[in-house]
Amino acid sequence: MTTVTTSARPPALLSPAFFADPYPTYHSLRAADPVMWDETLHSWVLSGYAQVAASLNDGRLVRGRTEEEQAVILDQLDASGQGELRQLRKLLWRMMLFSDPPAHTRLRALANRAFTPSAIERLRPRIQRLVDSALDAVQAAGQMDVIADLANPLPVIVVRRPPWGRSTWPCGASAAQHKRAD
């Protein structure tokens, strides 16, 4: 049976130290409190694999937040000295991953139409060039942070140019607004 904790002193999930190195906090949460209510975030924090997997398959749970709940978290960001993350947080809340139906359904339909298997296959040579270029860039250093140097930037670089070859993105923004030199 899973223990639910409503800790009076949860880990500082919005602190600069957490963002610099979140892994010790993740380890502590998984070991002690795989399901924990965080009063600061007004959220449940799930850190155990089984708990996260179960929650993702439970239709009673939602990913979205009300505007009031969002305001609480944004205020906490400001209070913790992380005010610069305010715009990022607002952006994340609009993403498909963090949305519930019907917004999630609408966004997923757009993505499914744009990223068909044939469209992705057409991207293969470009993605290979980008990966080769990233590997060449770090070869002289003799080491690579795979997440920072490849995994984080690669999807953004690939997606910023529409694979379907039109000048308009599904959301209506022009490709030129998203263009950056490869």
Protein backbone atom coordinates (compact mmCIF):
# COMPACT_ATOMS: atom_id res chain seq x y z
CA MET A 1 0.00 0.00 0.00
CA THR A 2 1.23 3.49 -0.85
CA THR A 3 1.84 5.96 1.94
CA VAL A 4 0.50 9.46 1.39
CA THR A 5 2.39 12.21 3.12
CA THR A 6 1.23 15.76 3.73
CA SER A 7 4.62 17.01 4.81
CA ALA A 8 4.75 20.36 6.55
CA ARG A 9 8.25 20.84 5.14
CA PRO A 10 8.35 19.48 1.59
CA PRO A 11 11.51 19.81 -0.47
CA ALA A 12 12.00 23.16 -2.13
CA LEU A 13 10.91 22.14 -5.63
CA LEU A 14 11.19 25.70 -6.93
CA SER A 15 14.56 26.56 -5.42
CA PRO A 16 17.66 27.39 -7.47
CA ALA A 17 19.42 24.41 -5.84
CA PHE A 18 16.69 22.05 -7.07
CA PHE A 19 16.93 23.37 -10.64
CA ALA A 20 20.72 23.08 -10.53
CA ASP A 21 20.65 19.43 -9.39
CA PRO A 22 17.21 17.87 -8.87
CA TYR A 23 18.40 14.26 -8.51
CA PRO A 24 19.07 14.18 -4.74
CA THR A 25 15.56 15.55 -4.18
CA TYR A 26 14.05 12.98 -6.55
CA HIS A 27 15.89 10.21 -4.72
CA SER A 28 14.69 11.45 -1.31
CA LEU A 29 11.10 11.74 -2.51
CA ARG A 30 11.06 8.25 -4.00
CA ALA A 31 12.58 6.76 -0.85
CA ALA A 32 10.41 8.56 1.69
CA ASP A 33 7.31 10.05 0.07
CA PRO A 34 6.39 8.62 -3.35
CA VAL A 35 3.01 10.40 -3.00
CA MET A 36 3.16 13.75 -1.24
CA TRP A 37 0.94 16.82 -1.01
CA ASP A 38 3.00 20.00 -1.46
CA GLU A 39 1.19 22.88 0.20
CA THR A 40 3.45 25.43 -1.48
CA LEU A 41 2.56 24.21 -4.97
CA HIS A 42 -1.01 23.22 -4.05
CA SER A 43 -0.25 19.96 -5.85
CA TRP A 44 0.33 16.30 -5.35
CA VAL A 45 3.92 15.35 -6.05
CA LEU A 46 4.35 11.81 -7.38
CA SER A 47 7.89 10.50 -7.50
CA GLY A 48 7.53 6.71 -7.58
CA TYR A 49 7.33 4.99 -10.96
CA ALA A 50 4.31 2.88 -10.01
CA GLN A 51 2.43 5.90 -8.69
CA VAL A 52 3.17 8.03 -11.76
CA ALA A 53 2.24 5.21 -14.14
CA ALA A 54 -1.03 4.59 -12.30
CA SER A 55 -1.91 8.29 -12.29
CA LEU A 56 -1.31 8.65 -16.03
CA ASN A 57 -3.79 5.84 -16.67
CA ASP A 58 -6.46 7.14 -14.28
CA GLY A 59 -9.06 9.18 -16.15
CA ARG A 60 -10.27 10.75 -12.90
CA LEU A 61 -7.05 12.73 -12.60
CA VAL A 62 -6.38 15.87 -14.59
CA ARG A 63 -3.19 17.53 -15.78
CA GLY A 64 -4.59 21.01 -16.28
CA ARG A 65 -4.90 23.71 -13.68
CA THR A 66 -7.42 26.45 -13.11
CA GLU A 67 -6.25 30.03 -13.50
CA GLU A 68 -6.43 30.38 -9.72
CA GLU A 69 -4.16 27.36 -9.21
CA GLN A 70 -1.75 28.69 -11.81
CA ALA A 71 -1.62 32.07 -10.05
CA VAL A 72 -0.63 30.39 -6.76
CA ILE A 73 2.32 28.65 -8.42
CA LEU A 74 3.37 31.79 -10.29
CA ASP A 75 3.33 33.72 -7.00
CA GLN A 76 5.48 30.99 -5.44
CA LEU A 77 7.97 31.32 -8.29
CA ASP A 78 8.24 35.05 -7.62
CA ALA A 79 8.55 34.49 -3.85
CA SER A 80 11.29 31.90 -4.29
CA GLY A 81 13.37 34.17 -6.52
CA GLN A 82 12.48 32.21 -9.64
CA GLY A 83 10.35 34.93 -11.22
CA GLU A 84 12.24 34.53 -14.50
CA LEU A 85 10.51 31.13 -14.84
CA ARG A 86 7.07 32.77 -14.89
CA GLN A 87 6.90 32.97 -18.69
CA LEU A 88 8.24 29.43 -19.09
CA ARG A 89 5.61 28.10 -16.69
CA LYS A 90 2.83 29.90 -18.58
CA LEU A 91 4.12 28.40 -21.82
CA LEU A 92 4.29 24.89 -20.37
CA TRP A 93 0.65 25.06 -19.26
CA ARG A 94 -0.37 25.58 -22.89
CA MET A 95 1.52 22.52 -24.13
CA MET A 96 -0.24 19.33 -25.16
CA LEU A 97 1.57 17.30 -22.51
CA PHE A 98 0.10 19.41 -19.71
CA SER A 99 -3.41 19.78 -21.07
CA ASP A 100 -6.65 17.85 -20.67
CA PRO A 101 -9.44 17.26 -23.18
CA PRO A 102 -10.75 19.04 -25.14
CA ALA A 103 -7.58 21.17 -25.56
CA HIS A 104 -5.35 18.08 -25.54
CA THR A 105 -7.51 16.38 -28.16
CA ARG A 106 -7.35 19.43 -30.46
CA LEU A 107 -3.56 19.78 -30.11
CA ARG A 108 -2.98 16.06 -30.61
CA ALA A 109 -5.06 16.09 -33.82
CA LEU A 110 -2.88 18.91 -35.17
CA ALA A 111 0.31 17.07 -34.27
CA ASN A 112 -0.94 13.78 -35.75
CA ARG A 113 -1.70 15.47 -39.07
CA ALA A 114 1.69 17.19 -39.18
CA PHE A 115 3.95 14.41 -37.94
CA THR A 116 2.94 11.43 -40.03
CA PRO A 117 5.40 8.54 -40.41
CA SER A 118 6.23 9.67 -43.95
CA ALA A 119 6.85 13.26 -42.78
CA ILE A 120 9.18 12.01 -40.06
CA GLU A 121 11.01 9.76 -42.53
CA ARG A 122 11.63 12.78 -44.76
CA LEU A 123 13.32 14.43 -41.77
CA ARG A 124 15.76 11.57 -41.26
CA PRO A 125 18.65 13.02 -43.37
CA ARG A 126 18.32 16.44 -41.71
CA ILE A 127 18.20 14.92 -38.22
CA GLN A 128 21.27 12.81 -39.01
CA ARG A 129 23.15 15.95 -40.15
CA LEU A 130 22.15 17.75 -36.97
CA VAL A 131 23.28 14.86 -34.75
CA ASP A 132 26.55 14.52 -36.67
CA SER A 133 27.14 18.26 -36.29
CA ALA A 134 26.47 18.10 -32.52
CA LEU A 135 28.87 15.18 -32.16
CA ASP A 136 31.54 16.98 -34.21
CA ALA A 137 31.14 20.08 -32.04
CA VAL A 138 31.90 18.19 -28.81
CA GLN A 139 34.52 15.81 -30.18
CA ALA A 140 37.41 18.18 -29.46
CA ALA A 141 36.29 18.44 -25.82
CA GLY A 142 36.30 14.66 -25.50
CA GLN A 143 33.06 14.67 -23.55
CA MET A 144 29.41 15.52 -23.99
CA ASP A 145 26.43 16.27 -21.82
CA VAL A 146 23.97 14.30 -23.94
CA ILE A 147 20.94 16.05 -22.46
CA ALA A 148 22.23 19.63 -22.70
CA ASP A 149 24.17 19.24 -25.94
CA LEU A 150 21.81 16.98 -27.90
CA ALA A 151 18.54 15.82 -26.35
CA ASN A 152 17.25 19.25 -25.31
CA PRO A 153 18.08 21.28 -28.42
CA LEU A 154 17.48 18.64 -31.12
CA PRO A 155 13.65 18.47 -31.01
CA VAL A 156 13.38 22.26 -30.97
CA ILE A 157 15.73 22.60 -33.94
CA VAL A 158 13.88 19.90 -35.89
CA VAL A 159 10.37 21.16 -35.13
CA ARG A 160 11.01 24.84 -35.74
CA ARG A 161 11.06 24.15 -39.48
CA PRO A 162 7.78 22.53 -40.52
CA PRO A 163 8.31 19.05 -41.99
CA TRP A 164 5.34 19.44 -44.31
CA GLY A 165 7.16 22.15 -46.27
CA ARG A 166 4.56 24.92 -46.09
CA SER A 167 5.27 28.44 -44.93
CA THR A 168 2.49 28.40 -42.33
CA TRP A 169 2.53 26.38 -39.14
CA PRO A 170 -0.71 24.66 -38.05
CA CYS A 171 -1.14 27.21 -35.27
CA GLY A 172 -1.11 30.03 -37.84
CA ALA A 173 2.35 31.47 -37.12
CA SER A 174 4.60 31.81 -40.12
CA ALA A 175 7.67 29.58 -40.41
CA ALA A 176 9.79 32.72 -40.66
CA GLN A 177 8.84 33.63 -37.10
CA HIS A 178 10.38 30.35 -35.93
CA LYS A 179 13.39 30.20 -38.27
CA ARG A 180 16.88 30.15 -36.85
CA ALA A 181 20.04 29.17 -38.68
CA ASP A 182 20.87 25.47 -38.29
